[in-house]
Amino acid sequence: MKQLRGISAAGCLGIVAAFGASAAGSPPTLHEVTIDCGVTSNNDGCEKRVECPPGTTIRSARAACNLEYGSVTDEQLSSMEPGYLEVVRRSDRVEQGSCWLGSSQVEDGLVATAAIVGLTGVSIGCQEHDKNGGDCEIRGSLYCQ
């Protein structure tokens, strides 16, 4: 009888393990959260907090910044690799413009955004200073799972 109980228990555990494996085998849903913040004629810039849906964390992000007059285009954004924050147009005075995504900040070029992986949300923003007021925009996506 002890052997039979052992087989029954092992059989039940095998079924439970099989169901667990099939549920765990399908990947969790990846959520794309829009990043969009911009200002015109405002030296204070733009800043906001962007959050993943409840129960998810950041897996990756990509964002582009225009730190002079104009917007980040869909083409510029779609050509970027996930995992980076990139300036697509720098300020005419580089030291007077920057954008940030979490702790990653850039004035010109690009920077990796790996430091935000595992967080539930981040601060994003941009700032550019001009005598007639600064213009800037940051656009992109957080990928949460």
N, C-alpha and C. Protein backbone atom coordinates (compact mmCIF):
# COMPACT_ATOMS: atom_id res chain seq x y z
N MET A 1 0.81 -1.19 0.00
CA MET A 1 0.00 0.00 0.00
C MET A 1 0.86 1.25 0.00
N LYS A 2 2.00 1.21 0.75
CA LYS A 2 2.89 2.36 0.76
C LYS A 2 3.40 2.65 -0.64
N GLN A 3 3.72 1.61 -1.43
CA GLN A 3 4.20 1.81 -2.78
C GLN A 3 3.13 2.47 -3.64
N LEU A 4 1.90 2.06 -3.49
CA LEU A 4 0.81 2.61 -4.27
C LEU A 4 0.62 4.10 -3.96
N ARG A 5 0.68 4.46 -2.68
CA ARG A 5 0.57 5.87 -2.31
C ARG A 5 1.73 6.67 -2.91
N GLY A 6 2.91 6.09 -2.91
CA GLY A 6 4.07 6.76 -3.47
C GLY A 6 3.91 6.99 -4.97
N ILE A 7 3.36 6.01 -5.68
CA ILE A 7 3.13 6.14 -7.11
C ILE A 7 2.05 7.18 -7.37
N SER A 8 0.98 7.12 -6.57
CA SER A 8 -0.10 8.10 -6.72
C SER A 8 0.40 9.50 -6.48
N ALA A 9 1.17 9.67 -5.42
CA ALA A 9 1.71 11.00 -5.11
C ALA A 9 2.63 11.47 -6.22
N ALA A 10 3.49 10.57 -6.71
CA ALA A 10 4.40 10.93 -7.79
C ALA A 10 3.62 11.28 -9.05
N GLY A 11 2.56 10.53 -9.33
CA GLY A 11 1.74 10.82 -10.51
C GLY A 11 1.07 12.17 -10.40
N CYS A 12 0.54 12.48 -9.22
CA CYS A 12 -0.10 13.79 -9.02
C CYS A 12 0.91 14.91 -9.16
N LEU A 13 2.09 14.72 -8.59
CA LEU A 13 3.13 15.75 -8.70
C LEU A 13 3.53 15.94 -10.15
N GLY A 14 3.60 14.83 -10.89
CA GLY A 14 3.94 14.94 -12.31
C GLY A 14 2.91 15.74 -13.09
N ILE A 15 1.63 15.54 -12.78
CA ILE A 15 0.57 16.30 -13.45
C ILE A 15 0.66 17.77 -13.07
N VAL A 16 0.84 18.05 -11.79
CA VAL A 16 0.98 19.44 -11.33
C VAL A 16 2.18 20.09 -12.01
N ALA A 17 3.31 19.37 -12.07
CA ALA A 17 4.49 19.92 -12.72
C ALA A 17 4.24 20.18 -14.20
N ALA A 18 3.52 19.28 -14.85
CA ALA A 18 3.23 19.47 -16.27
C ALA A 18 2.36 20.70 -16.49
N PHE A 19 1.32 20.87 -15.67
CA PHE A 19 0.47 22.06 -15.80
C PHE A 19 1.26 23.33 -15.50
N GLY A 20 2.10 23.28 -14.49
CA GLY A 20 2.93 24.44 -14.15
C GLY A 20 3.88 24.78 -15.29
N ALA A 21 4.44 23.77 -15.92
CA ALA A 21 5.38 24.01 -17.02
C ALA A 21 4.68 24.63 -18.21
N SER A 22 3.45 24.17 -18.52
CA SER A 22 2.78 24.73 -19.68
C SER A 22 2.37 26.18 -19.41
N ALA A 23 1.95 26.49 -18.18
CA ALA A 23 1.59 27.87 -17.86
C ALA A 23 2.83 28.75 -17.83
N ALA A 24 3.92 28.20 -17.30
CA ALA A 24 5.16 28.97 -17.24
C ALA A 24 5.83 29.04 -18.61
N GLY A 25 5.50 28.09 -19.50
CA GLY A 25 6.12 28.05 -20.82
C GLY A 25 5.68 29.18 -21.72
N SER A 26 4.49 29.75 -21.51
CA SER A 26 4.05 30.87 -22.34
C SER A 26 4.59 32.16 -21.73
N PRO A 27 5.25 32.96 -22.53
CA PRO A 27 5.88 34.17 -21.99
C PRO A 27 4.84 35.18 -21.50
N PRO A 28 5.16 35.91 -20.42
CA PRO A 28 4.26 36.96 -19.95
C PRO A 28 4.11 38.05 -21.01
N THR A 29 3.01 38.75 -20.96
CA THR A 29 2.73 39.81 -21.92
C THR A 29 3.73 40.96 -21.77
N LEU A 30 4.24 41.43 -22.88
CA LEU A 30 5.13 42.59 -22.89
C LEU A 30 4.26 43.82 -23.16
N HIS A 31 4.32 44.80 -22.24
CA HIS A 31 3.54 46.02 -22.36
C HIS A 31 4.44 47.15 -22.83
N GLU A 32 4.00 47.91 -23.82
CA GLU A 32 4.73 49.08 -24.28
C GLU A 32 4.05 50.32 -23.69
N VAL A 33 4.82 51.11 -22.95
CA VAL A 33 4.30 52.32 -22.31
C VAL A 33 4.95 53.52 -23.00
N THR A 34 4.13 54.44 -23.48
CA THR A 34 4.62 55.59 -24.24
C THR A 34 5.33 56.61 -23.35
N ILE A 35 6.46 57.09 -23.85
CA ILE A 35 7.20 58.20 -23.25
C ILE A 35 7.01 59.38 -24.18
N ASP A 36 6.51 60.49 -23.66
CA ASP A 36 6.31 61.68 -24.48
C ASP A 36 6.23 62.90 -23.57
N CYS A 37 7.18 63.80 -23.74
CA CYS A 37 7.22 65.01 -22.93
C CYS A 37 7.95 66.07 -23.74
N GLY A 38 7.37 67.25 -23.85
CA GLY A 38 8.02 68.30 -24.62
C GLY A 38 7.50 69.68 -24.25
N VAL A 39 8.29 70.70 -24.56
CA VAL A 39 7.91 72.09 -24.31
C VAL A 39 8.41 72.98 -25.45
N THR A 40 7.76 74.12 -25.58
CA THR A 40 8.18 75.15 -26.53
C THR A 40 8.26 76.46 -25.78
N SER A 41 9.34 77.19 -25.98
CA SER A 41 9.56 78.51 -25.37
C SER A 41 9.45 78.48 -23.85
N ASN A 42 10.09 77.48 -23.25
CA ASN A 42 10.06 77.34 -21.80
C ASN A 42 11.40 76.82 -21.31
N ASN A 43 12.17 77.66 -20.65
CA ASN A 43 13.48 77.27 -20.16
C ASN A 43 13.43 76.26 -19.02
N ASP A 44 12.26 76.08 -18.40
CA ASP A 44 12.13 75.11 -17.31
C ASP A 44 12.09 73.67 -17.82
N GLY A 45 11.84 73.46 -19.10
CA GLY A 45 11.81 72.12 -19.66
C GLY A 45 10.55 71.36 -19.31
N CYS A 46 10.63 70.06 -19.44
CA CYS A 46 9.50 69.18 -19.22
C CYS A 46 9.98 67.98 -18.42
N GLU A 47 9.20 67.56 -17.44
CA GLU A 47 9.53 66.36 -16.68
C GLU A 47 8.24 65.70 -16.22
N LYS A 48 8.21 64.37 -16.28
CA LYS A 48 7.07 63.60 -15.77
C LYS A 48 7.55 62.22 -15.38
N ARG A 49 6.70 61.51 -14.68
CA ARG A 49 6.99 60.14 -14.27
C ARG A 49 6.18 59.20 -15.14
N VAL A 50 6.82 58.14 -15.60
CA VAL A 50 6.18 57.13 -16.44
C VAL A 50 6.26 55.80 -15.69
N GLU A 51 5.12 55.12 -15.58
CA GLU A 51 5.02 53.88 -14.79
C GLU A 51 4.63 52.69 -15.65
N CYS A 52 5.14 51.52 -15.28
CA CYS A 52 4.69 50.26 -15.87
C CYS A 52 3.32 49.91 -15.31
N PRO A 53 2.56 49.08 -16.02
CA PRO A 53 1.29 48.61 -15.47
C PRO A 53 1.54 47.85 -14.15
N PRO A 54 0.56 47.83 -13.26
CA PRO A 54 0.71 47.13 -11.98
C PRO A 54 1.16 45.69 -12.18
N GLY A 55 2.10 45.24 -11.34
CA GLY A 55 2.60 43.87 -11.40
C GLY A 55 3.68 43.64 -12.42
N THR A 56 4.12 44.70 -13.12
CA THR A 56 5.19 44.54 -14.12
C THR A 56 6.35 45.46 -13.78
N THR A 57 7.50 45.17 -14.37
CA THR A 57 8.69 46.00 -14.20
C THR A 57 9.32 46.28 -15.56
N ILE A 58 10.18 47.25 -15.59
CA ILE A 58 10.85 47.65 -16.84
C ILE A 58 11.83 46.56 -17.26
N ARG A 59 11.74 46.13 -18.50
CA ARG A 59 12.67 45.17 -19.10
C ARG A 59 13.66 45.88 -20.01
N SER A 60 13.19 46.98 -20.65
CA SER A 60 14.04 47.74 -21.56
C SER A 60 13.34 49.06 -21.86
N ALA A 61 14.04 49.95 -22.53
CA ALA A 61 13.46 51.23 -22.94
C ALA A 61 14.24 51.74 -24.14
N ARG A 62 13.59 52.61 -24.88
CA ARG A 62 14.29 53.36 -25.92
C ARG A 62 13.62 54.72 -26.00
N ALA A 63 14.44 55.75 -26.19
CA ALA A 63 13.89 57.10 -26.28
C ALA A 63 14.85 57.97 -27.08
N ALA A 64 14.26 58.98 -27.72
CA ALA A 64 15.03 59.94 -28.51
C ALA A 64 14.66 61.34 -28.04
N CYS A 65 15.63 62.26 -28.15
CA CYS A 65 15.43 63.64 -27.72
C CYS A 65 15.80 64.61 -28.82
N ASN A 66 14.98 65.64 -28.96
CA ASN A 66 15.30 66.78 -29.81
C ASN A 66 15.49 67.93 -28.83
N LEU A 67 16.69 68.47 -28.78
CA LEU A 67 17.03 69.50 -27.81
C LEU A 67 17.16 70.88 -28.44
N GLU A 68 16.53 71.06 -29.56
CA GLU A 68 16.45 72.36 -30.23
C GLU A 68 15.05 72.40 -30.84
N TYR A 69 14.73 73.37 -31.56
CA TYR A 69 13.37 73.49 -32.10
C TYR A 69 13.01 72.28 -32.96
N GLY A 70 11.85 71.69 -32.73
CA GLY A 70 11.37 70.57 -33.55
C GLY A 70 11.00 69.38 -32.71
N SER A 71 10.44 68.39 -33.37
CA SER A 71 9.97 67.17 -32.70
C SER A 71 10.83 65.98 -33.08
N VAL A 72 10.76 64.94 -32.26
CA VAL A 72 11.35 63.65 -32.60
C VAL A 72 10.38 62.99 -33.57
N THR A 73 10.87 62.60 -34.75
CA THR A 73 9.99 62.00 -35.75
C THR A 73 9.80 60.50 -35.50
N ASP A 74 8.74 59.95 -36.06
CA ASP A 74 8.50 58.51 -35.96
C ASP A 74 9.66 57.74 -36.59
N GLU A 75 10.20 58.24 -37.68
CA GLU A 75 11.33 57.57 -38.36
C GLU A 75 12.56 57.54 -37.47
N GLN A 76 12.87 58.66 -36.80
CA GLN A 76 14.02 58.69 -35.90
C GLN A 76 13.83 57.68 -34.77
N LEU A 77 12.65 57.64 -34.22
CA LEU A 77 12.38 56.75 -33.10
C LEU A 77 12.42 55.28 -33.52
N SER A 78 11.85 54.96 -34.65
CA SER A 78 11.81 53.56 -35.09
C SER A 78 13.19 53.03 -35.49
N SER A 79 14.12 53.89 -35.79
CA SER A 79 15.46 53.43 -36.17
C SER A 79 16.36 53.15 -34.97
N MET A 80 15.89 53.48 -33.78
CA MET A 80 16.70 53.29 -32.57
C MET A 80 16.62 51.87 -32.04
N GLU A 81 17.72 51.41 -31.46
CA GLU A 81 17.75 50.12 -30.79
C GLU A 81 17.22 50.27 -29.37
N PRO A 82 16.46 49.28 -28.87
CA PRO A 82 16.05 49.32 -27.46
C PRO A 82 17.29 49.31 -26.56
N GLY A 83 17.16 49.92 -25.40
CA GLY A 83 18.27 49.95 -24.45
C GLY A 83 19.06 51.24 -24.47
N TYR A 84 18.61 52.24 -25.26
CA TYR A 84 19.37 53.49 -25.39
C TYR A 84 18.48 54.72 -25.36
N LEU A 85 19.08 55.80 -24.90
CA LEU A 85 18.52 57.15 -24.95
C LEU A 85 19.44 57.93 -25.87
N GLU A 86 18.90 58.53 -26.94
CA GLU A 86 19.73 59.18 -27.95
C GLU A 86 19.24 60.58 -28.26
N VAL A 87 20.19 61.50 -28.40
CA VAL A 87 19.87 62.86 -28.85
C VAL A 87 19.91 62.86 -30.37
N VAL A 88 18.76 63.14 -31.00
CA VAL A 88 18.71 63.18 -32.46
C VAL A 88 18.96 64.59 -32.99
N ARG A 89 18.79 65.60 -32.15
CA ARG A 89 19.17 66.96 -32.48
C ARG A 89 19.59 67.65 -31.19
N ARG A 90 20.87 68.00 -31.14
CA ARG A 90 21.38 68.62 -29.92
C ARG A 90 21.06 70.11 -29.90
N SER A 91 21.17 70.71 -28.72
CA SER A 91 20.98 72.14 -28.57
C SER A 91 22.08 72.88 -29.32
N ASP A 92 21.79 74.07 -29.83
CA ASP A 92 22.83 74.84 -30.50
C ASP A 92 23.95 75.20 -29.53
N ARG A 93 23.66 75.20 -28.25
CA ARG A 93 24.68 75.31 -27.19
C ARG A 93 24.56 74.02 -26.38
N VAL A 94 25.40 73.04 -26.72
CA VAL A 94 25.29 71.68 -26.18
C VAL A 94 25.15 71.65 -24.67
N GLU A 95 25.90 72.47 -23.98
CA GLU A 95 25.89 72.47 -22.51
C GLU A 95 24.57 72.99 -21.93
N GLN A 96 23.70 73.56 -22.75
CA GLN A 96 22.44 74.11 -22.25
C GLN A 96 21.23 73.23 -22.55
N GLY A 97 21.47 72.02 -23.01
CA GLY A 97 20.36 71.11 -23.28
C GLY A 97 20.68 69.70 -22.82
N SER A 98 19.70 69.00 -22.28
CA SER A 98 19.88 67.60 -21.90
C SER A 98 18.52 66.92 -21.81
N CYS A 99 18.56 65.61 -21.84
CA CYS A 99 17.35 64.82 -21.60
C CYS A 99 17.74 63.64 -20.73
N TRP A 100 16.73 63.08 -20.06
CA TRP A 100 17.01 62.00 -19.13
C TRP A 100 15.89 60.99 -19.11
N LEU A 101 16.28 59.78 -18.74
CA LEU A 101 15.38 58.64 -18.58
C LEU A 101 15.92 57.89 -17.38
N GLY A 102 15.25 58.06 -16.23
CA GLY A 102 15.80 57.50 -15.00
C GLY A 102 17.10 58.20 -14.67
N SER A 103 18.13 57.44 -14.37
CA SER A 103 19.44 58.01 -14.03
C SER A 103 20.33 58.23 -15.26
N SER A 104 19.86 57.84 -16.44
CA SER A 104 20.63 58.05 -17.68
C SER A 104 20.33 59.45 -18.21
N GLN A 105 21.38 60.23 -18.43
CA GLN A 105 21.22 61.60 -18.93
C GLN A 105 22.21 61.84 -20.05
N VAL A 106 21.79 62.62 -21.06
CA VAL A 106 22.66 62.85 -22.21
C VAL A 106 22.41 64.25 -22.78
N GLU A 107 23.49 64.87 -23.26
CA GLU A 107 23.42 66.18 -23.93
C GLU A 107 23.62 66.04 -25.43
N ASP A 108 24.40 65.02 -25.82
CA ASP A 108 24.74 64.78 -27.21
C ASP A 108 25.12 63.31 -27.35
N GLY A 109 24.75 62.67 -28.44
CA GLY A 109 25.08 61.26 -28.63
C GLY A 109 24.04 60.36 -28.00
N LEU A 110 24.52 59.25 -27.43
CA LEU A 110 23.59 58.31 -26.82
C LEU A 110 24.17 57.72 -25.56
N VAL A 111 23.28 57.17 -24.73
CA VAL A 111 23.67 56.56 -23.47
C VAL A 111 22.79 55.33 -23.24
N ALA A 112 23.36 54.30 -22.61
CA ALA A 112 22.60 53.09 -22.31
C ALA A 112 21.62 53.35 -21.16
N THR A 113 20.51 52.62 -21.17
CA THR A 113 19.48 52.80 -20.14
C THR A 113 19.36 51.57 -19.24
N ALA A 114 20.38 50.73 -19.18
CA ALA A 114 20.31 49.47 -18.43
C ALA A 114 20.02 49.67 -16.95
N ALA A 115 20.36 50.81 -16.37
CA ALA A 115 20.16 51.05 -14.94
C ALA A 115 18.70 51.03 -14.52
N ILE A 116 17.76 51.16 -15.46
CA ILE A 116 16.34 51.20 -15.10
C ILE A 116 15.67 49.83 -15.12
N VAL A 117 16.36 48.81 -15.61
CA VAL A 117 15.78 47.47 -15.70
C VAL A 117 15.40 46.99 -14.29
N GLY A 118 14.17 46.51 -14.15
CA GLY A 118 13.69 46.01 -12.87
C GLY A 118 12.89 47.03 -12.06
N LEU A 119 12.94 48.30 -12.46
CA LEU A 119 12.16 49.33 -11.77
C LEU A 119 10.71 49.29 -12.24
N THR A 120 9.81 49.87 -11.46
CA THR A 120 8.41 49.92 -11.87
C THR A 120 8.06 51.22 -12.59
N GLY A 121 8.92 52.22 -12.49
CA GLY A 121 8.67 53.50 -13.15
C GLY A 121 9.91 54.37 -13.10
N VAL A 122 9.92 55.42 -13.92
CA VAL A 122 11.07 56.32 -13.98
C VAL A 122 10.63 57.75 -14.26
N SER A 123 11.49 58.68 -13.91
CA SER A 123 11.32 60.07 -14.29
C SER A 123 11.93 60.26 -15.67
N ILE A 124 11.21 60.96 -16.54
CA ILE A 124 11.73 61.26 -17.88
C ILE A 124 11.61 62.77 -18.09
N GLY A 125 12.46 63.32 -18.94
CA GLY A 125 12.32 64.74 -19.21
C GLY A 125 13.40 65.27 -20.12
N CYS A 126 13.25 66.57 -20.40
CA CYS A 126 14.23 67.27 -21.22
C CYS A 126 14.23 68.74 -20.82
N GLN A 127 15.34 69.39 -21.11
CA GLN A 127 15.46 70.83 -20.83
C GLN A 127 16.45 71.42 -21.81
N GLU A 128 16.11 72.61 -22.30
CA GLU A 128 17.00 73.35 -23.19
C GLU A 128 16.78 74.81 -22.89
N HIS A 129 17.86 75.57 -22.85
CA HIS A 129 17.79 76.98 -22.44
C HIS A 129 18.14 77.88 -23.62
N ASP A 130 17.25 78.83 -23.91
CA ASP A 130 17.48 79.84 -24.95
C ASP A 130 17.03 81.19 -24.42
N LYS A 131 17.52 82.26 -25.04
CA LYS A 131 17.10 83.60 -24.61
C LYS A 131 15.59 83.83 -24.82
N ASN A 132 15.00 83.13 -25.79
CA ASN A 132 13.56 83.26 -26.03
C ASN A 132 12.76 82.08 -25.46
N GLY A 133 13.38 81.30 -24.61
CA GLY A 133 12.72 80.13 -24.03
C GLY A 133 13.15 78.87 -24.74
N GLY A 134 13.38 77.82 -23.99
CA GLY A 134 13.90 76.58 -24.55
C GLY A 134 12.83 75.72 -25.19
N ASP A 135 13.26 74.90 -26.14
CA ASP A 135 12.40 73.95 -26.84
C ASP A 135 13.05 72.57 -26.74
N CYS A 136 12.27 71.57 -26.36
CA CYS A 136 12.81 70.21 -26.32
C CYS A 136 11.68 69.20 -26.35
N GLU A 137 12.02 67.97 -26.73
CA GLU A 137 11.06 66.87 -26.69
C GLU A 137 11.81 65.58 -26.46
N ILE A 138 11.22 64.70 -25.65
CA ILE A 138 11.70 63.33 -25.49
C ILE A 138 10.52 62.42 -25.81
N ARG A 139 10.76 61.42 -26.67
CA ARG A 139 9.74 60.44 -27.06
C ARG A 139 10.35 59.06 -27.05
N GLY A 140 9.53 58.07 -26.75
CA GLY A 140 10.01 56.71 -26.79
C GLY A 140 9.05 55.74 -26.12
N SER A 141 9.61 54.65 -25.61
CA SER A 141 8.80 53.61 -24.99
C SER A 141 9.55 52.93 -23.86
N LEU A 142 8.79 52.58 -22.82
CA LEU A 142 9.25 51.61 -21.81
C LEU A 142 8.65 50.29 -22.22
N TYR A 143 9.41 49.21 -22.04
CA TYR A 143 8.90 47.86 -22.29
C TYR A 143 8.84 47.16 -20.95
N CYS A 144 7.63 46.85 -20.51
CA CYS A 144 7.39 46.30 -19.18
C CYS A 144 6.85 44.88 -19.27
N GLN A 145 7.28 44.05 -18.30
CA GLN A 145 6.82 42.67 -18.26
C GLN A 145 6.72 42.21 -16.82
